[in-house]
Amino acid sequence: MLVPMLLIIPLFWFMIIRPEKRKQAEAKALLAGMKKSDHVVTAGGIKGVISKVDRDNDEVTMIIDESTGTKMRVSTGSVIRIETGDSDGDKKK
């Protein structure tokens, strides 16, 4: 009974804990690399362009409507993705 338990622990580590730690490290690097003029998407699906990053208060100010200059402040943790400009999805619509 001890041998199966000793086999389950490393399996659990490689299948669950290790990938989760990798995801957390990637998210931390994403938040650390945010800068002005990055196109981002929040957890709520709001897309915008970063106009200011306030690391002391963990806030990001982003422009969500360029025609009216509408800005929104969100916490840095709500940013889930930085979009790159090389996708053709918006150009084809």
PDB file of N, CA and C in Angstrom:
ATOM      1  N   MET A   1       0.815  -1.184   0.000  1.00  0.00           N
ATOM      2  CA  MET A   1       0.000   0.000   0.000  1.00  0.00           C
ATOM      3  C   MET A   1       0.873   1.268   0.000  1.00  0.00           C
ATOM      4  N   LEU A   2       2.035   1.173   0.515  1.00  0.00           N
ATOM      5  CA  LEU A   2       2.927   2.328   0.567  1.00  0.00           C
ATOM      6  C   LEU A   2       3.491   2.671  -0.810  1.00  0.00           C
ATOM      7  N   VAL A   3       3.770   1.657  -1.615  1.00  0.00           N
ATOM      8  CA  VAL A   3       4.341   1.881  -2.948  1.00  0.00           C
ATOM      9  C   VAL A   3       3.378   2.658  -3.861  1.00  0.00           C
ATOM     10  N   PRO A   4       2.097   2.331  -3.934  1.00  0.00           N
ATOM     11  CA  PRO A   4       1.197   3.133  -4.771  1.00  0.00           C
ATOM     12  C   PRO A   4       1.100   4.598  -4.310  1.00  0.00           C
ATOM     13  N   MET A   5       1.132   4.809  -3.016  1.00  0.00           N
ATOM     14  CA  MET A   5       1.074   6.172  -2.501  1.00  0.00           C
ATOM     15  C   MET A   5       2.326   6.950  -2.888  1.00  0.00           C
ATOM     16  N   LEU A   6       3.469   6.307  -2.870  1.00  0.00           N
ATOM     17  CA  LEU A   6       4.710   6.966  -3.254  1.00  0.00           C
ATOM     18  C   LEU A   6       4.749   7.267  -4.755  1.00  0.00           C
ATOM     19  N   LEU A   7       4.025   6.516  -5.542  1.00  0.00           N
ATOM     20  CA  LEU A   7       3.930   6.784  -6.981  1.00  0.00           C
ATOM     21  C   LEU A   7       2.912   7.885  -7.295  1.00  0.00           C
ATOM     22  N   ILE A   8       1.888   7.997  -6.487  1.00  0.00           N
ATOM     23  CA  ILE A   8       0.845   8.997  -6.716  1.00  0.00           C
ATOM     24  C   ILE A   8       1.350  10.413  -6.432  1.00  0.00           C
ATOM     25  N   ILE A   9       2.186  10.579  -5.420  1.00  0.00           N
ATOM     26  CA  ILE A   9       2.669  11.915  -5.047  1.00  0.00           C
ATOM     27  C   ILE A   9       3.448  12.580  -6.181  1.00  0.00           C
ATOM     28  N   PRO A  10       4.445  11.932  -6.808  1.00  0.00           N
ATOM     29  CA  PRO A  10       5.123  12.605  -7.932  1.00  0.00           C
ATOM     30  C   PRO A  10       4.211  12.830  -9.134  1.00  0.00           C
ATOM     31  N   LEU A  11       3.301  11.923  -9.376  1.00  0.00           N
ATOM     32  CA  LEU A  11       2.343  12.084 -10.461  1.00  0.00           C
ATOM     33  C   LEU A  11       1.461  13.313 -10.219  1.00  0.00           C
ATOM     34  N   PHE A  12       1.005  13.462  -8.999  1.00  0.00           N
ATOM     35  CA  PHE A  12       0.210  14.618  -8.616  1.00  0.00           C
ATOM     36  C   PHE A  12       1.011  15.904  -8.825  1.00  0.00           C
ATOM     37  N   TRP A  13       2.271  15.895  -8.443  1.00  0.00           N
ATOM     38  CA  TRP A  13       3.138  17.064  -8.595  1.00  0.00           C
ATOM     39  C   TRP A  13       3.272  17.467 -10.072  1.00  0.00           C
ATOM     40  N   PHE A  14       3.562  16.525 -10.944  1.00  0.00           N
ATOM     41  CA  PHE A  14       3.799  16.837 -12.355  1.00  0.00           C
ATOM     42  C   PHE A  14       2.518  17.168 -13.122  1.00  0.00           C
ATOM     43  N   MET A  15       1.391  16.665 -12.687  1.00  0.00           N
ATOM     44  CA  MET A  15       0.163  16.904 -13.440  1.00  0.00           C
ATOM     45  C   MET A  15      -0.636  18.100 -12.939  1.00  0.00           C
ATOM     46  N   ILE A  16      -0.500  18.480 -11.674  1.00  0.00           N
ATOM     47  CA  ILE A  16      -1.339  19.536 -11.129  1.00  0.00           C
ATOM     48  C   ILE A  16      -0.527  20.728 -10.609  1.00  0.00           C
ATOM     49  N   ILE A  17       0.390  20.509  -9.733  1.00  0.00           N
ATOM     50  CA  ILE A  17       1.086  21.610  -9.075  1.00  0.00           C
ATOM     51  C   ILE A  17       2.058  22.313 -10.013  1.00  0.00           C
ATOM     52  N   ARG A  18       2.849  21.582 -10.742  1.00  0.00           N
ATOM     53  CA  ARG A  18       3.861  22.182 -11.618  1.00  0.00           C
ATOM     54  C   ARG A  18       3.247  23.054 -12.729  1.00  0.00           C
ATOM     55  N   PRO A  19       2.225  22.597 -13.453  1.00  0.00           N
ATOM     56  CA  PRO A  19       1.616  23.463 -14.468  1.00  0.00           C
ATOM     57  C   PRO A  19       0.962  24.722 -13.874  1.00  0.00           C
ATOM     58  N   GLU A  20       0.392  24.597 -12.694  1.00  0.00           N
ATOM     59  CA  GLU A  20      -0.236  25.753 -12.059  1.00  0.00           C
ATOM     60  C   GLU A  20       0.809  26.801 -11.662  1.00  0.00           C
ATOM     61  N   LYS A  21       1.941  26.361 -11.178  1.00  0.00           N
ATOM     62  CA  LYS A  21       3.018  27.299 -10.845  1.00  0.00           C
ATOM     63  C   LYS A  21       3.533  27.993 -12.101  1.00  0.00           C
ATOM     64  N   ARG A  22       3.581  27.287 -13.203  1.00  0.00           N
ATOM     65  CA  ARG A  22       4.021  27.880 -14.472  1.00  0.00           C
ATOM     66  C   ARG A  22       3.035  28.954 -14.927  1.00  0.00           C
ATOM     67  N   LYS A  23       1.737  28.692 -14.798  1.00  0.00           N
ATOM     68  CA  LYS A  23       0.720  29.679 -15.157  1.00  0.00           C
ATOM     69  C   LYS A  23       0.834  30.929 -14.291  1.00  0.00           C
ATOM     70  N   GLN A  24       1.073  30.745 -12.990  1.00  0.00           N
ATOM     71  CA  GLN A  24       1.211  31.883 -12.091  1.00  0.00           C
ATOM     72  C   GLN A  24       2.434  32.712 -12.440  1.00  0.00           C
ATOM     73  N   ALA A  25       3.528  32.069 -12.808  1.00  0.00           N
ATOM     74  CA  ALA A  25       4.740  32.796 -13.189  1.00  0.00           C
ATOM     75  C   ALA A  25       4.517  33.583 -14.477  1.00  0.00           C
ATOM     76  N   GLU A  26       3.798  33.013 -15.435  1.00  0.00           N
ATOM     77  CA  GLU A  26       3.499  33.717 -16.678  1.00  0.00           C
ATOM     78  C   GLU A  26       2.600  34.927 -16.421  1.00  0.00           C
ATOM     79  N   ALA A  27       1.607  34.779 -15.547  1.00  0.00           N
ATOM     80  CA  ALA A  27       0.714  35.892 -15.225  1.00  0.00           C
ATOM     81  C   ALA A  27       1.474  37.010 -14.515  1.00  0.00           C
ATOM     82  N   LYS A  28       2.371  36.642 -13.638  1.00  0.00           N
ATOM     83  CA  LYS A  28       3.184  37.637 -12.925  1.00  0.00           C
ATOM     84  C   LYS A  28       4.085  38.384 -13.898  1.00  0.00           C
ATOM     85  N   ALA A  29       4.668  37.686 -14.854  1.00  0.00           N
ATOM     86  CA  ALA A  29       5.526  38.329 -15.856  1.00  0.00           C
ATOM     87  C   ALA A  29       4.699  39.250 -16.758  1.00  0.00           C
ATOM     88  N   LEU A  30       3.479  38.849 -17.086  1.00  0.00           N
ATOM     89  CA  LEU A  30       2.600  39.673 -17.901  1.00  0.00           C
ATOM     90  C   LEU A  30       2.301  40.991 -17.199  1.00  0.00           C
ATOM     91  N   LEU A  31       1.956  40.922 -15.907  1.00  0.00           N
ATOM     92  CA  LEU A  31       1.631  42.123 -15.159  1.00  0.00           C
ATOM     93  C   LEU A  31       2.845  43.018 -14.964  1.00  0.00           C
ATOM     94  N   ALA A  32       3.996  42.416 -14.804  1.00  0.00           N
ATOM     95  CA  ALA A  32       5.218  43.204 -14.622  1.00  0.00           C
ATOM     96  C   ALA A  32       5.640  43.888 -15.922  1.00  0.00           C
ATOM     97  N   GLY A  33       5.267  43.330 -17.052  1.00  0.00           N
ATOM     98  CA  GLY A  33       5.679  43.869 -18.337  1.00  0.00           C
ATOM     99  C   GLY A  33       4.709  44.844 -18.973  1.00  0.00           C
ATOM    100  N   MET A  34       3.606  45.171 -18.282  1.00  0.00           N
ATOM    101  CA  MET A  34       2.644  46.103 -18.856  1.00  0.00           C
ATOM    102  C   MET A  34       3.239  47.501 -18.933  1.00  0.00           C
ATOM    103  N   LYS A  35       2.962  48.173 -20.044  1.00  0.00           N
ATOM    104  CA  LYS A  35       3.467  49.534 -20.222  1.00  0.00           C
ATOM    105  C   LYS A  35       2.456  50.351 -21.012  1.00  0.00           C
ATOM    106  N   LYS A  36       2.696  51.635 -21.080  1.00  0.00           N
ATOM    107  CA  LYS A  36       1.822  52.542 -21.807  1.00  0.00           C
ATOM    108  C   LYS A  36       1.745  52.119 -23.273  1.00  0.00           C
ATOM    109  N   SER A  37       0.588  52.265 -23.875  1.00  0.00           N
ATOM    110  CA  SER A  37       0.286  51.954 -25.277  1.00  0.00           C
ATOM    111  C   SER A  37       0.101  50.470 -25.563  1.00  0.00           C
ATOM    112  N   ASP A  38       0.091  49.615 -24.544  1.00  0.00           N
ATOM    113  CA  ASP A  38      -0.215  48.200 -24.753  1.00  0.00           C
ATOM    114  C   ASP A  38      -1.727  48.033 -24.907  1.00  0.00           C
ATOM    115  N   HIS A  39      -2.134  47.191 -25.829  1.00  0.00           N
ATOM    116  CA  HIS A  39      -3.545  46.846 -26.004  1.00  0.00           C
ATOM    117  C   HIS A  39      -3.824  45.664 -25.093  1.00  0.00           C
ATOM    118  N   VAL A  40      -4.799  45.817 -24.185  1.00  0.00           N
ATOM    119  CA  VAL A  40      -5.062  44.787 -23.187  1.00  0.00           C
ATOM    120  C   VAL A  40      -6.529  44.383 -23.188  1.00  0.00           C
ATOM    121  N   VAL A  41      -6.784  43.223 -22.579  1.00  0.00           N
ATOM    122  CA  VAL A  41      -8.137  42.716 -22.369  1.00  0.00           C
ATOM    123  C   VAL A  41      -8.271  42.399 -20.893  1.00  0.00           C
ATOM    124  N   THR A  42      -9.371  42.861 -20.276  1.00  0.00           N
ATOM    125  CA  THR A  42      -9.602  42.590 -18.866  1.00  0.00           C
ATOM    126  C   THR A  42     -10.359  41.274 -18.693  1.00  0.00           C
ATOM    127  N   ALA A  43     -10.494  40.860 -17.452  1.00  0.00           N
ATOM    128  CA  ALA A  43     -11.220  39.622 -17.158  1.00  0.00           C
ATOM    129  C   ALA A  43     -12.688  39.732 -17.551  1.00  0.00           C
ATOM    130  N   GLY A  44     -13.220  40.939 -17.577  1.00  0.00           N
ATOM    131  CA  GLY A  44     -14.612  41.150 -17.982  1.00  0.00           C
ATOM    132  C   GLY A  44     -14.791  41.255 -19.481  1.00  0.00           C
ATOM    133  N   GLY A  45     -13.693  41.190 -20.240  1.00  0.00           N
ATOM    134  CA  GLY A  45     -13.773  41.241 -21.687  1.00  0.00           C
ATOM    135  C   GLY A  45     -13.653  42.635 -22.271  1.00  0.00           C
ATOM    136  N   ILE A  46     -13.334  43.618 -21.446  1.00  0.00           N
ATOM    137  CA  ILE A  46     -13.203  44.991 -21.927  1.00  0.00           C
ATOM    138  C   ILE A  46     -11.832  45.160 -22.557  1.00  0.00           C
ATOM    139  N   LYS A  47     -11.815  45.684 -23.779  1.00  0.00           N
ATOM    140  CA  LYS A  47     -10.566  45.922 -24.492  1.00  0.00           C
ATOM    141  C   LYS A  47     -10.225  47.398 -24.416  1.00  0.00           C
ATOM    142  N   GLY A  48      -8.941  47.700 -24.284  1.00  0.00           N
ATOM    143  CA  GLY A  48      -8.520  49.088 -24.219  1.00  0.00           C
ATOM    144  C   GLY A  48      -7.025  49.217 -24.436  1.00  0.00           C
ATOM    145  N   VAL A  49      -6.578  50.474 -24.414  1.00  0.00           N
ATOM    146  CA  VAL A  49      -5.162  50.798 -24.580  1.00  0.00           C
ATOM    147  C   VAL A  49      -4.697  51.448 -23.286  1.00  0.00           C
ATOM    148  N   ILE A  50      -3.607  50.955 -22.729  1.00  0.00           N
ATOM    149  CA  ILE A  50      -3.106  51.486 -21.468  1.00  0.00           C
ATOM    150  C   ILE A  50      -2.576  52.899 -21.679  1.00  0.00           C
ATOM    151  N   SER A  51      -3.041  53.824 -20.820  1.00  0.00           N
ATOM    152  CA  SER A  51      -2.530  55.184 -20.871  1.00  0.00           C
ATOM    153  C   SER A  51      -1.652  55.493 -19.660  1.00  0.00           C
ATOM    154  N   LYS A  52      -1.822  54.718 -18.569  1.00  0.00           N
ATOM    155  CA  LYS A  52      -1.022  54.946 -17.371  1.00  0.00           C
ATOM    156  C   LYS A  52      -1.007  53.672 -16.529  1.00  0.00           C
ATOM    157  N   VAL A  53       0.169  53.344 -15.991  1.00  0.00           N
ATOM    158  CA  VAL A  53       0.308  52.204 -15.087  1.00  0.00           C
ATOM    159  C   VAL A  53       0.770  52.740 -13.745  1.00  0.00           C
ATOM    160  N   ASP A  54      -0.021  52.516 -12.701  1.00  0.00           N
ATOM    161  CA  ASP A  54       0.312  52.955 -11.350  1.00  0.00           C
ATOM    162  C   ASP A  54       0.624  51.722 -10.515  1.00  0.00           C
ATOM    163  N   ARG A  55       1.885  51.370 -10.449  1.00  0.00           N
ATOM    164  CA  ARG A  55       2.291  50.139  -9.749  1.00  0.00           C
ATOM    165  C   ARG A  55       2.135  50.260  -8.240  1.00  0.00           C
ATOM    166  N   ASP A  56       2.226  51.474  -7.698  1.00  0.00           N
ATOM    167  CA  ASP A  56       2.083  51.654  -6.244  1.00  0.00           C
ATOM    168  C   ASP A  56       0.680  51.294  -5.772  1.00  0.00           C
ATOM    169  N   ASN A  57      -0.321  51.665  -6.544  1.00  0.00           N
ATOM    170  CA  ASN A  57      -1.717  51.381  -6.184  1.00  0.00           C
ATOM    171  C   ASN A  57      -2.290  50.181  -6.917  1.00  0.00           C
ATOM    172  N   ASP A  58      -1.473  49.496  -7.696  1.00  0.00           N
ATOM    173  CA  ASP A  58      -1.916  48.336  -8.483  1.00  0.00           C
ATOM    174  C   ASP A  58      -3.101  48.687  -9.373  1.00  0.00           C
ATOM    175  N   GLU A  59      -2.999  49.807 -10.083  1.00  0.00           N
ATOM    176  CA  GLU A  59      -4.055  50.246 -10.987  1.00  0.00           C
ATOM    177  C   GLU A  59      -3.496  50.519 -12.372  1.00  0.00           C
ATOM    178  N   VAL A  60      -4.360  50.326 -13.341  1.00  0.00           N
ATOM    179  CA  VAL A  60      -4.041  50.633 -14.731  1.00  0.00           C
ATOM    180  C   VAL A  60      -5.160  51.537 -15.242  1.00  0.00           C
ATOM    181  N   THR A  61      -4.785  52.647 -15.860  1.00  0.00           N
ATOM    182  CA  THR A  61      -5.764  53.506 -16.518  1.00  0.00           C
ATOM    183  C   THR A  61      -5.699  53.185 -17.996  1.00  0.00           C
ATOM    184  N   MET A  62      -6.853  52.892 -18.573  1.00  0.00           N
ATOM    185  CA  MET A  62      -6.863  52.533 -19.983  1.00  0.00           C
ATOM    186  C   MET A  62      -7.948  53.302 -20.719  1.00  0.00           C
ATOM    187  N   ILE A  63      -7.671  53.598 -21.979  1.00  0.00           N
ATOM    188  CA  ILE A  63      -8.626  54.280 -22.847  1.00  0.00           C
ATOM    189  C   ILE A  63      -9.460  53.197 -23.518  1.00  0.00           C
ATOM    190  N   ILE A  64     -10.788  53.269 -23.313  1.00  0.00           N
ATOM    191  CA  ILE A  64     -11.643  52.232 -23.885  1.00  0.00           C
ATOM    192  C   ILE A  64     -12.378  52.713 -25.126  1.00  0.00           C
ATOM    193  N   ASP A  65     -12.435  54.034 -25.333  1.00  0.00           N
ATOM    194  CA  ASP A  65     -13.057  54.581 -26.539  1.00  0.00           C
ATOM    195  C   ASP A  65     -12.207  55.755 -27.001  1.00  0.00           C
ATOM    196  N   GLU A  66     -11.492  55.554 -28.100  1.00  0.00           N
ATOM    197  CA  GLU A  66     -10.570  56.570 -28.563  1.00  0.00           C
ATOM    198  C   GLU A  66     -11.277  57.794 -29.138  1.00  0.00           C
ATOM    199  N   SER A  67     -12.477  57.627 -29.684  1.00  0.00           N
ATOM    200  CA  SER A  67     -13.174  58.764 -30.289  1.00  0.00           C
ATOM    201  C   SER A  67     -13.639  59.769 -29.235  1.00  0.00           C
ATOM    202  N   THR A  68     -14.055  59.301 -28.072  1.00  0.00           N
ATOM    203  CA  THR A  68     -14.495  60.201 -27.010  1.00  0.00           C
ATOM    204  C   THR A  68     -13.465  60.354 -25.902  1.00  0.00           C
ATOM    205  N   GLY A  69     -12.425  59.551 -25.934  1.00  0.00           N
ATOM    206  CA  GLY A  69     -11.390  59.625 -24.902  1.00  0.00           C
ATOM    207  C   GLY A  69     -11.817  59.040 -23.575  1.00  0.00           C
ATOM    208  N   THR A  70     -12.787  58.145 -23.575  1.00  0.00           N
ATOM    209  CA  THR A  70     -13.284  57.535 -22.354  1.00  0.00           C
ATOM    210  C   THR A  70     -12.202  56.665 -21.727  1.00  0.00           C
ATOM    211  N   LYS A  71     -11.948  56.925 -20.439  1.00  0.00           N
ATOM    212  CA  LYS A  71     -10.927  56.174 -19.716  1.00  0.00           C
ATOM    213  C   LYS A  71     -11.562  55.381 -18.591  1.00  0.00           C
ATOM    214  N   MET A  72     -10.873  54.310 -18.204  1.00  0.00           N
ATOM    215  CA  MET A  72     -11.342  53.470 -17.119  1.00  0.00           C
ATOM    216  C   MET A  72     -10.139  53.042 -16.294  1.00  0.00           C
ATOM    217  N   ARG A  73     -10.311  53.060 -14.981  1.00  0.00           N
ATOM    218  CA  ARG A  73      -9.258  52.559 -14.088  1.00  0.00           C
ATOM    219  C   ARG A  73      -9.648  51.168 -13.625  1.00  0.00           C
ATOM    220  N   VAL A  74      -8.717  50.230 -13.748  1.00  0.00           N
ATOM    221  CA  VAL A  74      -8.955  48.855 -13.300  1.00  0.00           C
ATOM    222  C   VAL A  74      -7.745  48.393 -12.506  1.00  0.00           C
ATOM    223  N   SER A  75      -7.926  47.371 -11.717  1.00  0.00           N
ATOM    224  CA  SER A  75      -6.792  46.812 -10.986  1.00  0.00           C
ATOM    225  C   SER A  75      -5.913  46.025 -11.956  1.00  0.00           C
ATOM    226  N   THR A  76      -4.637  45.954 -11.652  1.00  0.00           N
ATOM    227  CA  THR A  76      -3.715  45.257 -12.550  1.00  0.00           C
ATOM    228  C   THR A  76      -4.044  43.772 -12.631  1.00  0.00           C
ATOM    229  N   GLY A  77      -4.613  43.218 -11.584  1.00  0.00           N
ATOM    230  CA  GLY A  77      -4.963  41.804 -11.587  1.00  0.00           C
ATOM    231  C   GLY A  77      -6.088  41.453 -12.528  1.00  0.00           C
ATOM    232  N   SER A  78      -6.885  42.443 -12.944  1.00  0.00           N
ATOM    233  CA  SER A  78      -7.990  42.156 -13.852  1.00  0.00           C
ATOM    234  C   SER A  78      -7.545  42.068 -15.305  1.00  0.00           C
ATOM    235  N   VAL A  79      -6.319  42.483 -15.605  1.00  0.00           N
ATOM    236  CA  VAL A  79      -5.807  42.372 -16.968  1.00  0.00           C
ATOM    237  C   VAL A  79      -5.355  40.931 -17.172  1.00  0.00           C
ATOM    238  N   ILE A  80      -5.964  40.273 -18.160  1.00  0.00           N
ATOM    239  CA  ILE A  80      -5.638  38.862 -18.371  1.00  0.00           C
ATOM    240  C   ILE A  80      -4.820  38.617 -19.626  1.00  0.00           C
ATOM    241  N   ARG A  81      -4.801  39.617 -20.535  1.00  0.00           N
ATOM    242  CA  ARG A  81      -4.079  39.380 -21.788  1.00  0.00           C
ATOM    243  C   ARG A  81      -3.610  40.696 -22.384  1.00  0.00           C
ATOM    244  N   ILE A  82      -2.420  40.679 -22.941  1.00  0.00           N
ATOM    245  CA  ILE A  82      -1.923  41.795 -23.733  1.00  0.00           C
ATOM    246  C   ILE A  82      -1.991  41.348 -25.176  1.00  0.00           C
ATOM    247  N   GLU A  83      -2.750  42.103 -25.994  1.00  0.00           N
ATOM    248  CA  GLU A  83      -2.918  41.734 -27.397  1.00  0.00           C
ATOM    249  C   GLU A  83      -1.793  42.318 -28.231  1.00  0.00           C
ATOM    250  N   THR A  84      -1.358  41.534 -29.180  1.00  0.00           N
ATOM    251  CA  THR A  84      -0.325  42.010 -30.092  1.00  0.00           C
ATOM    252  C   THR A  84      -0.978  42.565 -31.344  1.00  0.00           C
ATOM    253  N   GLY A  85      -0.273  43.393 -32.072  1.00  0.00           N
ATOM    254  CA  GLY A  85      -0.838  44.030 -33.248  1.00  0.00           C
ATOM    255  C   GLY A  85      -0.716  43.227 -34.518  1.00  0.00           C
ATOM    256  N   ASP A  86      -0.171  42.011 -34.458  1.00  0.00           N
ATOM    257  CA  ASP A  86       0.047  41.236 -35.681  1.00  0.00           C
ATOM    258  C   ASP A  86      -1.093  40.312 -36.040  1.00  0.00           C
ATOM    259  N   SER A  87      -2.235  40.379 -35.329  1.00  0.00           N
ATOM    260  CA  SER A  87      -3.369  39.538 -35.697  1.00  0.00           C
ATOM    261  C   SER A  87      -4.200  40.254 -36.739  1.00  0.00           C
ATOM    262  N   ASP A  88      -4.698  39.530 -37.732  1.00  0.00           N
ATOM    263  CA  ASP A  88      -5.487  40.102 -38.811  1.00  0.00           C
ATOM    264  C   ASP A  88      -6.984  39.997 -38.563  1.00  0.00           C
ATOM    265  N   GLY A  89      -7.388  39.561 -37.378  1.00  0.00           N
ATOM    266  CA  GLY A  89      -8.805  39.363 -37.102  1.00  0.00           C
ATOM    267  C   GLY A  89      -9.602  40.643 -37.172  1.00  0.00           C
ATOM    268  N   ASP A  90      -9.079  41.764 -36.688  1.00  0.00           N
ATOM    269  CA  ASP A  90      -9.813  43.025 -36.727  1.00  0.00           C
ATOM    270  C   ASP A  90      -9.826  43.632 -38.119  1.00  0.00           C
ATOM    271  N   LYS A  91      -8.824  43.390 -38.903  1.00  0.00           N
ATOM    272  CA  LYS A  91      -8.725  43.980 -40.239  1.00  0.00           C
ATOM    273  C   LYS A  91      -9.718  43.353 -41.214  1.00  0.00           C
ATOM    274  N   LYS A  92     -10.070  42.084 -41.031  1.00  0.00           N
ATOM    275  CA  LYS A  92     -10.932  41.396 -41.963  1.00  0.00           C
ATOM    276  C   LYS A  92     -12.410  41.699 -41.717  1.00  0.00           C
ATOM    277  N   LYS A  93     -12.760  42.194 -40.556  1.00  0.00           N
ATOM    278  CA  LYS A  93     -14.168  42.433 -40.228  1.00  0.00           C
ATOM    279  C   LYS A  93     -14.734  43.603 -40.947  1.00  0.00           C
TER     280      LYS A  93
END
